[in-house]
């Protein structure tokens, strides 16, 4: 990938190839980050699209990032996910599944897997927002501590501490659930 600043300059000029390159380069990582945070593929696809719509709006309004496209996109993704969670909190939703169980898993394994994901999501909800964010970036996106610190505007030590506390809290909460 060419230099990010050059790519941003081309994107600010609304160059089609630059916009396509940004989408191809960043769509998948942003999607993985969002799906890790919302645990629903369709919603994650919608929210990821919203991130890129906001980028296009920022480019047209001349409010696009000047130096760091990656950090800007993750920052927007963070806000889009928070907006989504805020809206979800206000309305009750019942999850219905209309999928056919695969032959590779029996009903007991499928139920156990769904329960464990439900338990992990419940445990994650107890963490602070900063801890959830660090877990999502470190393990969902496999970002190095240095990049997470830069993205969140924290020191590497603070990120390490948040990660350690989040993992300890998750372990304690999941152990209590068993």
Protein backbone atom coordinates (compact mmCIF):
# COMPACT_ATOMS: atom_id res chain seq x y z
CA UNK A 1 0.00 0.00 0.00
CA UNK A 2 1.36 3.43 -0.84
CA UNK A 3 2.10 5.93 1.84
CA UNK A 4 -1.04 6.68 3.86
CA UNK A 5 -0.61 10.46 3.55
CA UNK A 6 -0.37 10.18 -0.25
CA UNK A 7 -3.43 7.95 -0.29
CA UNK A 8 -5.30 10.47 1.86
CA UNK A 9 -4.34 13.31 -0.47
CA UNK A 10 -5.65 11.33 -3.44
CA UNK A 11 -8.84 10.50 -1.53
CA UNK A 12 -9.39 14.16 -0.59
CA UNK A 13 -9.32 14.84 -4.33
CA UNK A 14 -12.07 12.17 -4.57
CA UNK A 15 -9.95 10.02 -6.86
CA UNK A 16 -11.89 6.82 -7.60
CA UNK A 17 -8.84 4.54 -7.44
CA UNK A 18 -7.81 5.94 -4.06
CA UNK A 19 -11.32 5.47 -2.64
CA UNK A 20 -11.40 1.89 -3.94
CA UNK A 21 -7.96 1.21 -2.45
CA UNK A 22 -9.05 2.57 0.93
CA UNK A 23 -12.14 0.38 0.88
CA UNK A 24 -10.20 -2.73 -0.16
CA UNK A 25 -7.49 -2.13 2.43
CA UNK A 26 -9.58 -1.17 5.44
CA UNK A 27 -13.02 -2.75 5.00
CA UNK A 28 -12.10 -6.19 6.35
CA UNK A 29 -10.18 -5.00 9.46
CA UNK A 30 -12.89 -2.47 10.34
CA UNK A 31 -15.58 -5.13 9.82
CA UNK A 32 -13.73 -7.63 12.07
CA UNK A 33 -13.39 -4.97 14.77
CA UNK A 34 -17.10 -4.12 14.59
CA UNK A 35 -18.35 -7.72 14.45
CA UNK A 36 -16.24 -8.47 17.53
CA UNK A 37 -17.99 -5.61 19.33
CA UNK A 38 -21.59 -6.31 18.21
CA UNK A 39 -21.55 -10.12 17.70
CA UNK A 40 -23.92 -9.95 14.72
CA UNK A 41 -22.69 -10.18 11.14
CA UNK A 42 -25.55 -8.30 9.47
CA UNK A 43 -25.39 -5.43 11.95
CA UNK A 44 -21.61 -5.35 11.63
CA UNK A 45 -21.91 -5.08 7.84
CA UNK A 46 -24.33 -2.16 8.20
CA UNK A 47 -22.15 -0.39 10.76
CA UNK A 48 -19.01 -0.93 8.67
CA UNK A 49 -20.78 0.61 5.69
CA UNK A 50 -21.71 3.55 7.91
CA UNK A 51 -18.02 4.09 8.72
CA UNK A 52 -17.18 4.37 5.01
CA UNK A 53 -20.20 6.59 4.33
CA UNK A 54 -18.91 8.93 7.04
CA UNK A 55 -15.48 8.89 5.41
CA UNK A 56 -17.00 9.92 2.09
CA UNK A 57 -18.97 12.68 3.80
CA UNK A 58 -15.84 13.91 5.55
CA UNK A 59 -13.94 13.90 2.26
CA UNK A 60 -16.69 15.90 0.54
CA UNK A 61 -16.98 18.34 3.47
CA UNK A 62 -13.19 18.76 3.62
CA UNK A 63 -13.15 17.52 7.23
CA UNK A 64 -11.30 14.28 6.42
CA UNK A 65 -8.24 13.24 8.41
CA UNK A 66 -4.95 14.86 7.47
CA UNK A 67 -2.37 12.34 8.74
CA UNK A 68 -3.84 9.02 9.82
CA UNK A 69 -6.55 7.26 7.91
CA UNK A 70 -6.39 4.03 9.92
CA UNK A 71 -6.76 5.78 13.28
CA UNK A 72 -9.56 7.97 11.94
CA UNK A 73 -11.49 4.96 10.61
CA UNK A 74 -11.15 3.07 13.90
CA UNK A 75 -12.22 6.18 15.80
CA UNK A 76 -15.35 6.47 13.65
CA UNK A 77 -15.98 2.72 14.03
CA UNK A 78 -15.73 3.13 17.80
CA UNK A 79 -18.33 5.93 17.75
CA UNK A 80 -20.63 4.05 15.35
CA UNK A 81 -20.58 0.97 17.61
CA UNK A 82 -21.25 3.10 20.68
CA UNK A 83 -24.17 4.79 18.93
CA UNK A 84 -25.52 1.35 18.01
CA UNK A 85 -25.22 0.08 21.59
CA UNK A 86 -26.90 3.22 22.91
CA UNK A 87 -29.85 2.66 20.54
CA UNK A 88 -30.01 -1.05 21.42
CA UNK A 89 -30.09 -0.25 25.11
CA UNK A 90 -33.26 1.76 24.58
CA UNK A 91 -35.21 -1.00 22.82
CA UNK A 92 -35.79 -4.60 23.69
CA UNK A 93 -34.84 -7.13 21.05
CA UNK A 94 -35.42 -10.87 20.82
CA UNK A 95 -32.93 -12.84 18.80
CA UNK A 96 -34.48 -15.42 16.47
CA UNK A 97 -32.41 -17.94 14.56
CA UNK A 98 -33.71 -19.46 11.37
CA UNK A 99 -30.59 -21.39 10.44
CA UNK A 100 -30.41 -25.13 10.02
CA UNK A 101 -27.95 -26.84 12.33
CA UNK A 102 -24.91 -28.26 10.60
CA UNK A 103 -24.28 -32.00 10.62
CA UNK A 104 -20.84 -31.40 12.13
CA UNK A 105 -22.33 -30.40 15.49
CA UNK A 106 -25.06 -32.14 17.37
CA UNK A 107 -27.75 -30.18 19.19
CA UNK A 108 -25.91 -30.42 22.51
CA UNK A 109 -22.70 -28.97 21.06
CA UNK A 110 -24.64 -26.19 19.32
CA UNK A 111 -26.46 -25.24 22.53
CA UNK A 112 -23.22 -25.37 24.53
CA UNK A 113 -21.46 -23.14 22.01
CA UNK A 114 -24.33 -20.63 22.02
CA UNK A 115 -24.39 -20.62 25.82
CA UNK A 116 -20.64 -20.03 26.05
CA UNK A 117 -20.84 -17.08 23.64
CA UNK A 118 -23.77 -15.73 25.63
CA UNK A 119 -21.73 -16.06 28.81
CA UNK A 120 -18.71 -14.32 27.26
CA UNK A 121 -20.91 -11.48 25.97
CA UNK A 122 -22.52 -11.16 29.41
CA UNK A 123 -19.09 -11.13 31.06
CA UNK A 124 -17.83 -8.54 28.55
CA UNK A 125 -20.77 -6.29 29.38
CA UNK A 126 -19.54 -6.04 32.98
CA UNK A 127 -16.17 -4.64 31.87
CA UNK A 128 -15.61 -0.92 31.54
CA UNK A 129 -15.90 0.58 28.07
CA UNK A 130 -12.12 1.11 27.95
CA UNK A 131 -11.49 -2.53 28.88
CA UNK A 132 -13.93 -3.77 26.21
CA UNK A 133 -12.25 -1.53 23.65
CA UNK A 134 -8.76 -2.83 24.50
CA UNK A 135 -9.96 -6.46 24.36
CA UNK A 136 -11.64 -5.85 20.99
CA UNK A 137 -8.57 -4.22 19.47
CA UNK A 138 -5.96 -6.55 21.00
CA UNK A 139 -7.74 -9.88 20.47
CA UNK A 140 -10.40 -9.13 17.87
CA UNK A 141 -8.06 -7.14 15.64
CA UNK A 142 -4.77 -8.58 16.89
CA UNK A 143 -3.35 -5.06 17.09
CA UNK A 144 -0.02 -4.55 18.83
CA UNK A 145 -0.11 -2.70 22.15
CA UNK A 146 1.69 0.28 20.62
CA UNK A 147 -1.03 0.73 17.96
CA UNK A 148 -3.85 0.33 20.49
CA UNK A 149 -2.24 2.92 22.74
CA UNK A 150 -1.89 5.37 19.86
CA UNK A 151 -5.46 4.78 18.66
CA UNK A 152 -6.94 5.26 22.13
CA UNK A 153 -4.64 8.12 23.11
CA UNK A 154 -3.23 6.18 26.07
CA UNK A 155 0.23 5.08 27.09
CA UNK A 156 1.37 1.54 26.36
CA UNK A 157 1.50 0.91 30.10
CA UNK A 158 -2.11 2.02 30.50
CA UNK A 159 -3.18 -0.33 27.68
CA UNK A 160 -1.29 -3.22 29.26
CA UNK A 161 -2.92 -2.50 32.59
CA UNK A 162 -6.41 -2.26 31.05
CA UNK A 163 -5.82 -5.54 29.22
CA UNK A 164 -4.59 -7.34 32.34
CA UNK A 165 -7.51 -6.08 34.43
CA UNK A 166 -10.01 -6.98 31.71
CA UNK A 167 -8.67 -10.51 31.38
CA UNK A 168 -8.63 -10.99 35.15
CA UNK A 169 -12.20 -9.68 35.40
CA UNK A 170 -13.39 -11.93 32.56
CA UNK A 171 -11.75 -14.96 34.16
CA UNK A 172 -13.35 -14.19 37.53
CA UNK A 173 -16.79 -13.51 36.04
CA UNK A 174 -16.75 -16.63 33.84
CA UNK A 175 -15.57 -18.76 36.77
CA UNK A 176 -18.51 -17.48 38.85
CA UNK A 177 -20.91 -18.37 36.03
CA UNK A 178 -19.78 -22.00 36.03
